[in-house]
Amino acid sequence: MTEELSYKSVGAWLANESKQLYYQFTAHQDGSNGESIIMRSFHWRPPDDPIPQGSQLLTRQEALEKWNALKSMGWRRCAGPLQ
């Protein structure tokens, strides 16, 4: 793991501003013993509102692997477009 993540109500965000793409990672309580993470993707071209592109339910380990893969490709952590 290259970065410690904390999942609050707003989650953690990664941005690829050149492609105008954003990912939001938030905790999902599904009643199981393991923690699941929802990864939502958005296209955002200011000043327009972000456009949801889809979502995916991941295990915490899968989410961390995805986070680290995106970071290694140049994505950066950000506050997110939905602030």
PDB file of N, CA and C in Angstrom:
ATOM      1  N   MET A   1       0.863  -1.181   0.000  1.00  0.00           N
ATOM      2  CA  MET A   1       0.000   0.000   0.000  1.00  0.00           C
ATOM      3  C   MET A   1       0.895   1.226   0.000  1.00  0.00           C
ATOM      4  N   THR A   2       0.635   2.134  -0.916  1.00  0.00           N
ATOM      5  CA  THR A   2       1.476   3.327  -1.009  1.00  0.00           C
ATOM      6  C   THR A   2       0.909   4.498  -0.211  1.00  0.00           C
ATOM      7  N   GLU A   3      -0.356   4.421   0.159  1.00  0.00           N
ATOM      8  CA  GLU A   3      -0.965   5.534   0.887  1.00  0.00           C
ATOM      9  C   GLU A   3      -2.069   4.999   1.790  1.00  0.00           C
ATOM     10  N   GLU A   4      -2.098   5.480   3.020  1.00  0.00           N
ATOM     11  CA  GLU A   4      -3.153   5.073   3.953  1.00  0.00           C
ATOM     12  C   GLU A   4      -4.428   5.824   3.602  1.00  0.00           C
ATOM     13  N   LEU A   5      -5.515   5.102   3.480  1.00  0.00           N
ATOM     14  CA  LEU A   5      -6.790   5.706   3.127  1.00  0.00           C
ATOM     15  C   LEU A   5      -7.705   5.722   4.333  1.00  0.00           C
ATOM     16  N   SER A   6      -8.467   6.762   4.475  1.00  0.00           N
ATOM     17  CA  SER A   6      -9.535   6.786   5.471  1.00  0.00           C
ATOM     18  C   SER A   6     -10.829   7.061   4.731  1.00  0.00           C
ATOM     19  N   TYR A   7     -11.851   6.302   5.067  1.00  0.00           N
ATOM     20  CA  TYR A   7     -13.126   6.421   4.378  1.00  0.00           C
ATOM     21  C   TYR A   7     -14.124   7.082   5.309  1.00  0.00           C
ATOM     22  N   LYS A   8     -14.368   8.356   5.080  1.00  0.00           N
ATOM     23  CA  LYS A   8     -15.358   9.098   5.837  1.00  0.00           C
ATOM     24  C   LYS A   8     -16.609   9.182   4.985  1.00  0.00           C
ATOM     25  N   SER A   9     -17.571   9.966   5.408  1.00  0.00           N
ATOM     26  CA  SER A   9     -18.817  10.039   4.648  1.00  0.00           C
ATOM     27  C   SER A   9     -18.590  10.543   3.219  1.00  0.00           C
ATOM     28  N   VAL A  10     -17.603  11.413   3.007  1.00  0.00           N
ATOM     29  CA  VAL A  10     -17.343  11.931   1.666  1.00  0.00           C
ATOM     30  C   VAL A  10     -16.352  11.065   0.902  1.00  0.00           C
ATOM     31  N   GLY A  11     -15.616  10.208   1.581  1.00  0.00           N
ATOM     32  CA  GLY A  11     -14.681   9.309   0.926  1.00  0.00           C
ATOM     33  C   GLY A  11     -13.386   9.972   0.537  1.00  0.00           C
ATOM     34  N   ALA A  12     -12.603   9.227  -0.220  1.00  0.00           N
ATOM     35  CA  ALA A  12     -11.328   9.698  -0.731  1.00  0.00           C
ATOM     36  C   ALA A  12     -11.445   9.806  -2.248  1.00  0.00           C
ATOM     37  N   TRP A  13     -10.793  10.825  -2.816  1.00  0.00           N
ATOM     38  CA  TRP A  13     -10.914  11.106  -4.249  1.00  0.00           C
ATOM     39  C   TRP A  13      -9.563  11.029  -4.935  1.00  0.00           C
ATOM     40  N   LEU A  14      -9.595  10.558  -6.198  1.00  0.00           N
ATOM     41  CA  LEU A  14      -8.445  10.631  -7.089  1.00  0.00           C
ATOM     42  C   LEU A  14      -8.893  11.334  -8.366  1.00  0.00           C
ATOM     43  N   ALA A  15      -7.984  12.113  -8.946  1.00  0.00           N
ATOM     44  CA  ALA A  15      -8.319  12.872 -10.157  1.00  0.00           C
ATOM     45  C   ALA A  15      -7.301  12.637 -11.261  1.00  0.00           C
ATOM     46  N   ASN A  16      -7.805  12.601 -12.476  1.00  0.00           N
ATOM     47  CA  ASN A  16      -6.995  12.686 -13.686  1.00  0.00           C
ATOM     48  C   ASN A  16      -7.556  13.896 -14.423  1.00  0.00           C
ATOM     49  N   GLU A  17      -7.038  15.068 -14.091  1.00  0.00           N
ATOM     50  CA  GLU A  17      -7.617  16.312 -14.597  1.00  0.00           C
ATOM     51  C   GLU A  17      -7.481  16.462 -16.108  1.00  0.00           C
ATOM     52  N   SER A  18      -6.426  15.910 -16.695  1.00  0.00           N
ATOM     53  CA  SER A  18      -6.277  16.037 -18.148  1.00  0.00           C
ATOM     54  C   SER A  18      -7.385  15.286 -18.883  1.00  0.00           C
ATOM     55  N   LYS A  19      -7.883  14.202 -18.295  1.00  0.00           N
ATOM     56  CA  LYS A  19      -8.993  13.450 -18.890  1.00  0.00           C
ATOM     57  C   LYS A  19     -10.341  13.841 -18.286  1.00  0.00           C
ATOM     58  N   GLN A  20     -10.312  14.747 -17.305  1.00  0.00           N
ATOM     59  CA  GLN A  20     -11.513  15.227 -16.610  1.00  0.00           C
ATOM     60  C   GLN A  20     -12.270  14.066 -15.956  1.00  0.00           C
ATOM     61  N   LEU A  21     -11.509  13.109 -15.377  1.00  0.00           N
ATOM     62  CA  LEU A  21     -12.091  11.954 -14.709  1.00  0.00           C
ATOM     63  C   LEU A  21     -11.739  11.963 -13.229  1.00  0.00           C
ATOM     64  N   TYR A  22     -12.689  11.501 -12.418  1.00  0.00           N
ATOM     65  CA  TYR A  22     -12.524  11.444 -10.971  1.00  0.00           C
ATOM     66  C   TYR A  22     -13.061  10.123 -10.462  1.00  0.00           C
ATOM     67  N   TYR A  23     -12.404   9.580  -9.429  1.00  0.00           N
ATOM     68  CA  TYR A  23     -12.906   8.406  -8.714  1.00  0.00           C
ATOM     69  C   TYR A  23     -13.129   8.777  -7.261  1.00  0.00           C
ATOM     70  N   GLN A  24     -14.245   8.307  -6.713  1.00  0.00           N
ATOM     71  CA  GLN A  24     -14.546   8.484  -5.298  1.00  0.00           C
ATOM     72  C   GLN A  24     -14.588   7.094  -4.664  1.00  0.00           C
ATOM     73  N   PHE A  25     -13.868   6.921  -3.567  1.00  0.00           N
ATOM     74  CA  PHE A  25     -13.850   5.670  -2.820  1.00  0.00           C
ATOM     75  C   PHE A  25     -14.523   5.922  -1.474  1.00  0.00           C
ATOM     76  N   THR A  26     -15.614   5.210  -1.186  1.00  0.00           N
ATOM     77  CA  THR A  26     -16.311   5.368   0.090  1.00  0.00           C
ATOM     78  C   THR A  26     -16.624   3.998   0.681  1.00  0.00           C
ATOM     79  N   ALA A  27     -16.680   3.959   2.001  1.00  0.00           N
ATOM     80  CA  ALA A  27     -17.005   2.716   2.702  1.00  0.00           C
ATOM     81  C   ALA A  27     -18.459   2.354   2.449  1.00  0.00           C
ATOM     82  N   HIS A  28     -18.714   1.063   2.368  1.00  0.00           N
ATOM     83  CA  HIS A  28     -20.069   0.551   2.176  1.00  0.00           C
ATOM     84  C   HIS A  28     -20.314  -0.509   3.242  1.00  0.00           C
ATOM     85  N   GLN A  29     -21.285  -0.265   4.093  1.00  0.00           N
ATOM     86  CA  GLN A  29     -21.637  -1.227   5.137  1.00  0.00           C
ATOM     87  C   GLN A  29     -22.739  -2.119   4.603  1.00  0.00           C
ATOM     88  N   ASP A  30     -22.379  -3.353   4.255  1.00  0.00           N
ATOM     89  CA  ASP A  30     -23.352  -4.263   3.665  1.00  0.00           C
ATOM     90  C   ASP A  30     -23.788  -5.374   4.612  1.00  0.00           C
ATOM     91  N   GLY A  31     -23.393  -5.284   5.875  1.00  0.00           N
ATOM     92  CA  GLY A  31     -23.794  -6.283   6.852  1.00  0.00           C
ATOM     93  C   GLY A  31     -22.872  -7.483   6.924  1.00  0.00           C
ATOM     94  N   SER A  32     -21.886  -7.572   6.042  1.00  0.00           N
ATOM     95  CA  SER A  32     -20.957  -8.694   6.095  1.00  0.00           C
ATOM     96  C   SER A  32     -19.822  -8.374   7.059  1.00  0.00           C
ATOM     97  N   ASN A  33     -19.019  -9.356   7.360  1.00  0.00           N
ATOM     98  CA  ASN A  33     -17.898  -9.159   8.282  1.00  0.00           C
ATOM     99  C   ASN A  33     -16.805  -8.303   7.675  1.00  0.00           C
ATOM    100  N   GLY A  34     -16.585  -8.427   6.367  1.00  0.00           N
ATOM    101  CA  GLY A  34     -15.552  -7.635   5.711  1.00  0.00           C
ATOM    102  C   GLY A  34     -16.103  -6.303   5.251  1.00  0.00           C
ATOM    103  N   GLU A  35     -15.218  -5.323   5.159  1.00  0.00           N
ATOM    104  CA  GLU A  35     -15.635  -3.997   4.705  1.00  0.00           C
ATOM    105  C   GLU A  35     -15.581  -3.937   3.189  1.00  0.00           C
ATOM    106  N   SER A  36     -16.638  -3.453   2.603  1.00  0.00           N
ATOM    107  CA  SER A  36     -16.683  -3.254   1.158  1.00  0.00           C
ATOM    108  C   SER A  36     -16.503  -1.774   0.858  1.00  0.00           C
ATOM    109  N   ILE A  37     -15.979  -1.493  -0.315  1.00  0.00           N
ATOM    110  CA  ILE A  37     -15.731  -0.118  -0.755  1.00  0.00           C
ATOM    111  C   ILE A  37     -16.483   0.092  -2.067  1.00  0.00           C
ATOM    112  N   ILE A  38     -17.179   1.221  -2.162  1.00  0.00           N
ATOM    113  CA  ILE A  38     -17.816   1.598  -3.416  1.00  0.00           C
ATOM    114  C   ILE A  38     -16.887   2.567  -4.131  1.00  0.00           C
ATOM    115  N   MET A  39     -16.565   2.236  -5.371  1.00  0.00           N
ATOM    116  CA  MET A  39     -15.756   3.109  -6.206  1.00  0.00           C
ATOM    117  C   MET A  39     -16.685   3.700  -7.261  1.00  0.00           C
ATOM    118  N   ARG A  40     -16.855   5.024  -7.224  1.00  0.00           N
ATOM    119  CA  ARG A  40     -17.712   5.723  -8.190  1.00  0.00           C
ATOM    120  C   ARG A  40     -16.832   6.540  -9.122  1.00  0.00           C
ATOM    121  N   SER A  41     -17.198   6.559 -10.388  1.00  0.00           N
ATOM    122  CA  SER A  41     -16.446   7.355 -11.353  1.00  0.00           C
ATOM    123  C   SER A  41     -17.315   8.489 -11.878  1.00  0.00           C
ATOM    124  N   PHE A  42     -16.658   9.615 -12.158  1.00  0.00           N
ATOM    125  CA  PHE A  42     -17.335  10.822 -12.624  1.00  0.00           C
ATOM    126  C   PHE A  42     -16.526  11.467 -13.739  1.00  0.00           C
ATOM    127  N   HIS A  43     -17.222  12.073 -14.680  1.00  0.00           N
ATOM    128  CA  HIS A  43     -16.612  12.956 -15.670  1.00  0.00           C
ATOM    129  C   HIS A  43     -16.993  14.361 -15.243  1.00  0.00           C
ATOM    130  N   TRP A  44     -16.014  15.268 -15.214  1.00  0.00           N
ATOM    131  CA  TRP A  44     -16.316  16.618 -14.752  1.00  0.00           C
ATOM    132  C   TRP A  44     -15.561  17.636 -15.579  1.00  0.00           C
ATOM    133  N   ARG A  45     -16.338  18.550 -16.156  1.00  0.00           N
ATOM    134  CA  ARG A  45     -15.791  19.662 -16.923  1.00  0.00           C
ATOM    135  C   ARG A  45     -16.381  20.940 -16.327  1.00  0.00           C
ATOM    136  N   PRO A  46     -15.621  21.631 -15.445  1.00  0.00           N
ATOM    137  CA  PRO A  46     -16.140  22.851 -14.826  1.00  0.00           C
ATOM    138  C   PRO A  46     -16.543  23.862 -15.890  1.00  0.00           C
ATOM    139  N   PRO A  47     -17.552  24.648 -15.687  1.00  0.00           N
ATOM    140  CA  PRO A  47     -18.332  24.796 -14.460  1.00  0.00           C
ATOM    141  C   PRO A  47     -19.536  23.854 -14.378  1.00  0.00           C
ATOM    142  N   ASP A  48     -19.659  22.893 -15.303  1.00  0.00           N
ATOM    143  CA  ASP A  48     -20.786  21.969 -15.273  1.00  0.00           C
ATOM    144  C   ASP A  48     -20.718  21.066 -14.047  1.00  0.00           C
ATOM    145  N   ASP A  49     -21.837  20.458 -13.726  1.00  0.00           N
ATOM    146  CA  ASP A  49     -21.880  19.500 -12.627  1.00  0.00           C
ATOM    147  C   ASP A  49     -21.201  18.202 -13.051  1.00  0.00           C
ATOM    148  N   PRO A  50     -20.623  17.457 -12.081  1.00  0.00           N
ATOM    149  CA  PRO A  50     -20.029  16.160 -12.394  1.00  0.00           C
ATOM    150  C   PRO A  50     -21.082  15.199 -12.942  1.00  0.00           C
ATOM    151  N   ILE A  51     -20.691  14.385 -13.904  1.00  0.00           N
ATOM    152  CA  ILE A  51     -21.593  13.413 -14.521  1.00  0.00           C
ATOM    153  C   ILE A  51     -21.174  12.018 -14.069  1.00  0.00           C
ATOM    154  N   PRO A  52     -22.045  11.314 -13.320  1.00  0.00           N
ATOM    155  CA  PRO A  52     -21.692   9.955 -12.883  1.00  0.00           C
ATOM    156  C   PRO A  52     -21.478   9.046 -14.092  1.00  0.00           C
ATOM    157  N   GLN A  53     -20.437   8.229 -14.029  1.00  0.00           N
ATOM    158  CA  GLN A  53     -20.106   7.307 -15.111  1.00  0.00           C
ATOM    159  C   GLN A  53     -20.358   5.855 -14.717  1.00  0.00           C
ATOM    160  N   GLY A  54     -20.473   5.588 -13.422  1.00  0.00           N
ATOM    161  CA  GLY A  54     -20.703   4.224 -12.964  1.00  0.00           C
ATOM    162  C   GLY A  54     -20.159   4.018 -11.569  1.00  0.00           C
ATOM    163  N   SER A  55     -20.419   2.838 -11.043  1.00  0.00           N
ATOM    164  CA  SER A  55     -19.905   2.492  -9.721  1.00  0.00           C
ATOM    165  C   SER A  55     -19.599   1.004  -9.678  1.00  0.00           C
ATOM    166  N   GLN A  56     -18.757   0.650  -8.721  1.00  0.00           N
ATOM    167  CA  GLN A  56     -18.334  -0.731  -8.579  1.00  0.00           C
ATOM    168  C   GLN A  56     -18.132  -1.020  -7.099  1.00  0.00           C
ATOM    169  N   LEU A  57     -18.612  -2.171  -6.641  1.00  0.00           N
ATOM    170  CA  LEU A  57     -18.431  -2.609  -5.258  1.00  0.00           C
ATOM    171  C   LEU A  57     -17.182  -3.478  -5.199  1.00  0.00           C
ATOM    172  N   LEU A  58     -16.229  -3.088  -4.353  1.00  0.00           N
ATOM    173  CA  LEU A  58     -14.948  -3.780  -4.238  1.00  0.00           C
ATOM    174  C   LEU A  58     -14.694  -4.196  -2.798  1.00  0.00           C
ATOM    175  N   THR A  59     -13.865  -5.214  -2.620  1.00  0.00           N
ATOM    176  CA  THR A  59     -13.369  -5.503  -1.279  1.00  0.00           C
ATOM    177  C   THR A  59     -12.374  -4.408  -0.931  1.00  0.00           C
ATOM    178  N   ARG A  60     -12.052  -4.268   0.347  1.00  0.00           N
ATOM    179  CA  ARG A  60     -11.070  -3.263   0.751  1.00  0.00           C
ATOM    180  C   ARG A  60      -9.733  -3.502   0.047  1.00  0.00           C
ATOM    181  N   GLN A  61      -9.313  -4.758  -0.067  1.00  0.00           N
ATOM    182  CA  GLN A  61      -8.050  -5.079  -0.721  1.00  0.00           C
ATOM    183  C   GLN A  61      -8.090  -4.693  -2.205  1.00  0.00           C
ATOM    184  N   GLU A  62      -9.180  -4.999  -2.891  1.00  0.00           N
ATOM    185  CA  GLU A  62      -9.315  -4.632  -4.302  1.00  0.00           C
ATOM    186  C   GLU A  62      -9.277  -3.117  -4.475  1.00  0.00           C
ATOM    187  N   ALA A  63      -9.939  -2.393  -3.550  1.00  0.00           N
ATOM    188  CA  ALA A  63      -9.961  -0.931  -3.614  1.00  0.00           C
ATOM    189  C   ALA A  63      -8.556  -0.355  -3.428  1.00  0.00           C
ATOM    190  N   LEU A  64      -7.795  -0.909  -2.481  1.00  0.00           N
ATOM    191  CA  LEU A  64      -6.433  -0.430  -2.267  1.00  0.00           C
ATOM    192  C   LEU A  64      -5.550  -0.715  -3.484  1.00  0.00           C
ATOM    193  N   GLU A  65      -5.737  -1.876  -4.090  1.00  0.00           N
ATOM    194  CA  GLU A  65      -4.966  -2.201  -5.297  1.00  0.00           C
ATOM    195  C   GLU A  65      -5.319  -1.244  -6.440  1.00  0.00           C
ATOM    196  N   LYS A  66      -6.598  -0.952  -6.609  1.00  0.00           N
ATOM    197  CA  LYS A  66      -7.040  -0.014  -7.654  1.00  0.00           C
ATOM    198  C   LYS A  66      -6.486   1.381  -7.381  1.00  0.00           C
ATOM    199  N   TRP A  67      -6.594   1.835  -6.107  1.00  0.00           N
ATOM    200  CA  TRP A  67      -6.070   3.145  -5.692  1.00  0.00           C
ATOM    201  C   TRP A  67      -4.589   3.251  -6.044  1.00  0.00           C
ATOM    202  N   ASN A  68      -3.809   2.252  -5.650  1.00  0.00           N
ATOM    203  CA  ASN A  68      -2.366   2.281  -5.889  1.00  0.00           C
ATOM    204  C   ASN A  68      -2.041   2.222  -7.381  1.00  0.00           C
ATOM    205  N   ALA A  69      -2.798   1.453  -8.142  1.00  0.00           N
ATOM    206  CA  ALA A  69      -2.580   1.378  -9.588  1.00  0.00           C
ATOM    207  C   ALA A  69      -2.836   2.731 -10.237  1.00  0.00           C
ATOM    208  N   LEU A  70      -3.916   3.384  -9.843  1.00  0.00           N
ATOM    209  CA  LEU A  70      -4.220   4.708 -10.398  1.00  0.00           C
ATOM    210  C   LEU A  70      -3.142   5.715 -10.013  1.00  0.00           C
ATOM    211  N   LYS A  71      -2.699   5.691  -8.743  1.00  0.00           N
ATOM    212  CA  LYS A  71      -1.648   6.612  -8.303  1.00  0.00           C
ATOM    213  C   LYS A  71      -0.373   6.397  -9.108  1.00  0.00           C
ATOM    214  N   SER A  72      -0.034   5.148  -9.399  1.00  0.00           N
ATOM    215  CA  SER A  72       1.191   4.869 -10.160  1.00  0.00           C
ATOM    216  C   SER A  72       1.076   5.331 -11.610  1.00  0.00           C
ATOM    217  N   MET A  73      -0.156   5.529 -12.097  1.00  0.00           N
ATOM    218  CA  MET A  73      -0.371   6.025 -13.458  1.00  0.00           C
ATOM    219  C   MET A  73      -0.494   7.549 -13.499  1.00  0.00           C
ATOM    220  N   GLY A  74      -0.253   8.218 -12.371  1.00  0.00           N
ATOM    221  CA  GLY A  74      -0.242   9.674 -12.362  1.00  0.00           C
ATOM    222  C   GLY A  74      -1.487  10.335 -11.807  1.00  0.00           C
ATOM    223  N   TRP A  75      -2.486   9.557 -11.388  1.00  0.00           N
ATOM    224  CA  TRP A  75      -3.660  10.153 -10.762  1.00  0.00           C
ATOM    225  C   TRP A  75      -3.219  10.748  -9.429  1.00  0.00           C
ATOM    226  N   ARG A  76      -3.896  11.828  -9.000  1.00  0.00           N
ATOM    227  CA  ARG A  76      -3.511  12.461  -7.737  1.00  0.00           C
ATOM    228  C   ARG A  76      -4.720  12.580  -6.824  1.00  0.00           C
ATOM    229  N   ARG A  77      -4.430  12.592  -5.525  1.00  0.00           N
ATOM    230  CA  ARG A  77      -5.487  12.754  -4.537  1.00  0.00           C
ATOM    231  C   ARG A  77      -6.004  14.193  -4.598  1.00  0.00           C
ATOM    232  N   CYS A  78      -7.317  14.349  -4.402  1.00  0.00           N
ATOM    233  CA  CYS A  78      -7.902  15.684  -4.467  1.00  0.00           C
ATOM    234  C   CYS A  78      -9.114  15.748  -3.557  1.00  0.00           C
ATOM    235  N   ALA A  79      -9.699  16.936  -3.455  1.00  0.00           N
ATOM    236  CA  ALA A  79     -10.887  17.138  -2.622  1.00  0.00           C
ATOM    237  C   ALA A  79     -12.148  16.617  -3.314  1.00  0.00           C
ATOM    238  N   GLY A  80     -12.101  16.471  -4.621  1.00  0.00           N
ATOM    239  CA  GLY A  80     -13.264  15.977  -5.356  1.00  0.00           C
ATOM    240  C   GLY A  80     -14.145  17.093  -5.868  1.00  0.00           C
ATOM    241  N   PRO A  81     -14.875  16.830  -6.933  1.00  0.00           N
ATOM    242  CA  PRO A  81     -15.696  17.862  -7.554  1.00  0.00           C
ATOM    243  C   PRO A  81     -17.025  18.098  -6.844  1.00  0.00           C
ATOM    244  N   LEU A  82     -17.380  17.273  -5.876  1.00  0.00           N
ATOM    245  CA  LEU A  82     -18.694  17.375  -5.240  1.00  0.00           C
ATOM    246  C   LEU A  82     -18.668  18.107  -3.916  1.00  0.00           C
ATOM    247  N   GLN A  83     -17.685  18.957  -3.717  1.00  0.00           N
ATOM    248  CA  GLN A  83     -17.571  19.667  -2.425  1.00  0.00           C
ATOM    249  C   GLN A  83     -18.548  20.809  -2.341  1.00  0.00           C
TER     250      GLN A  83
END
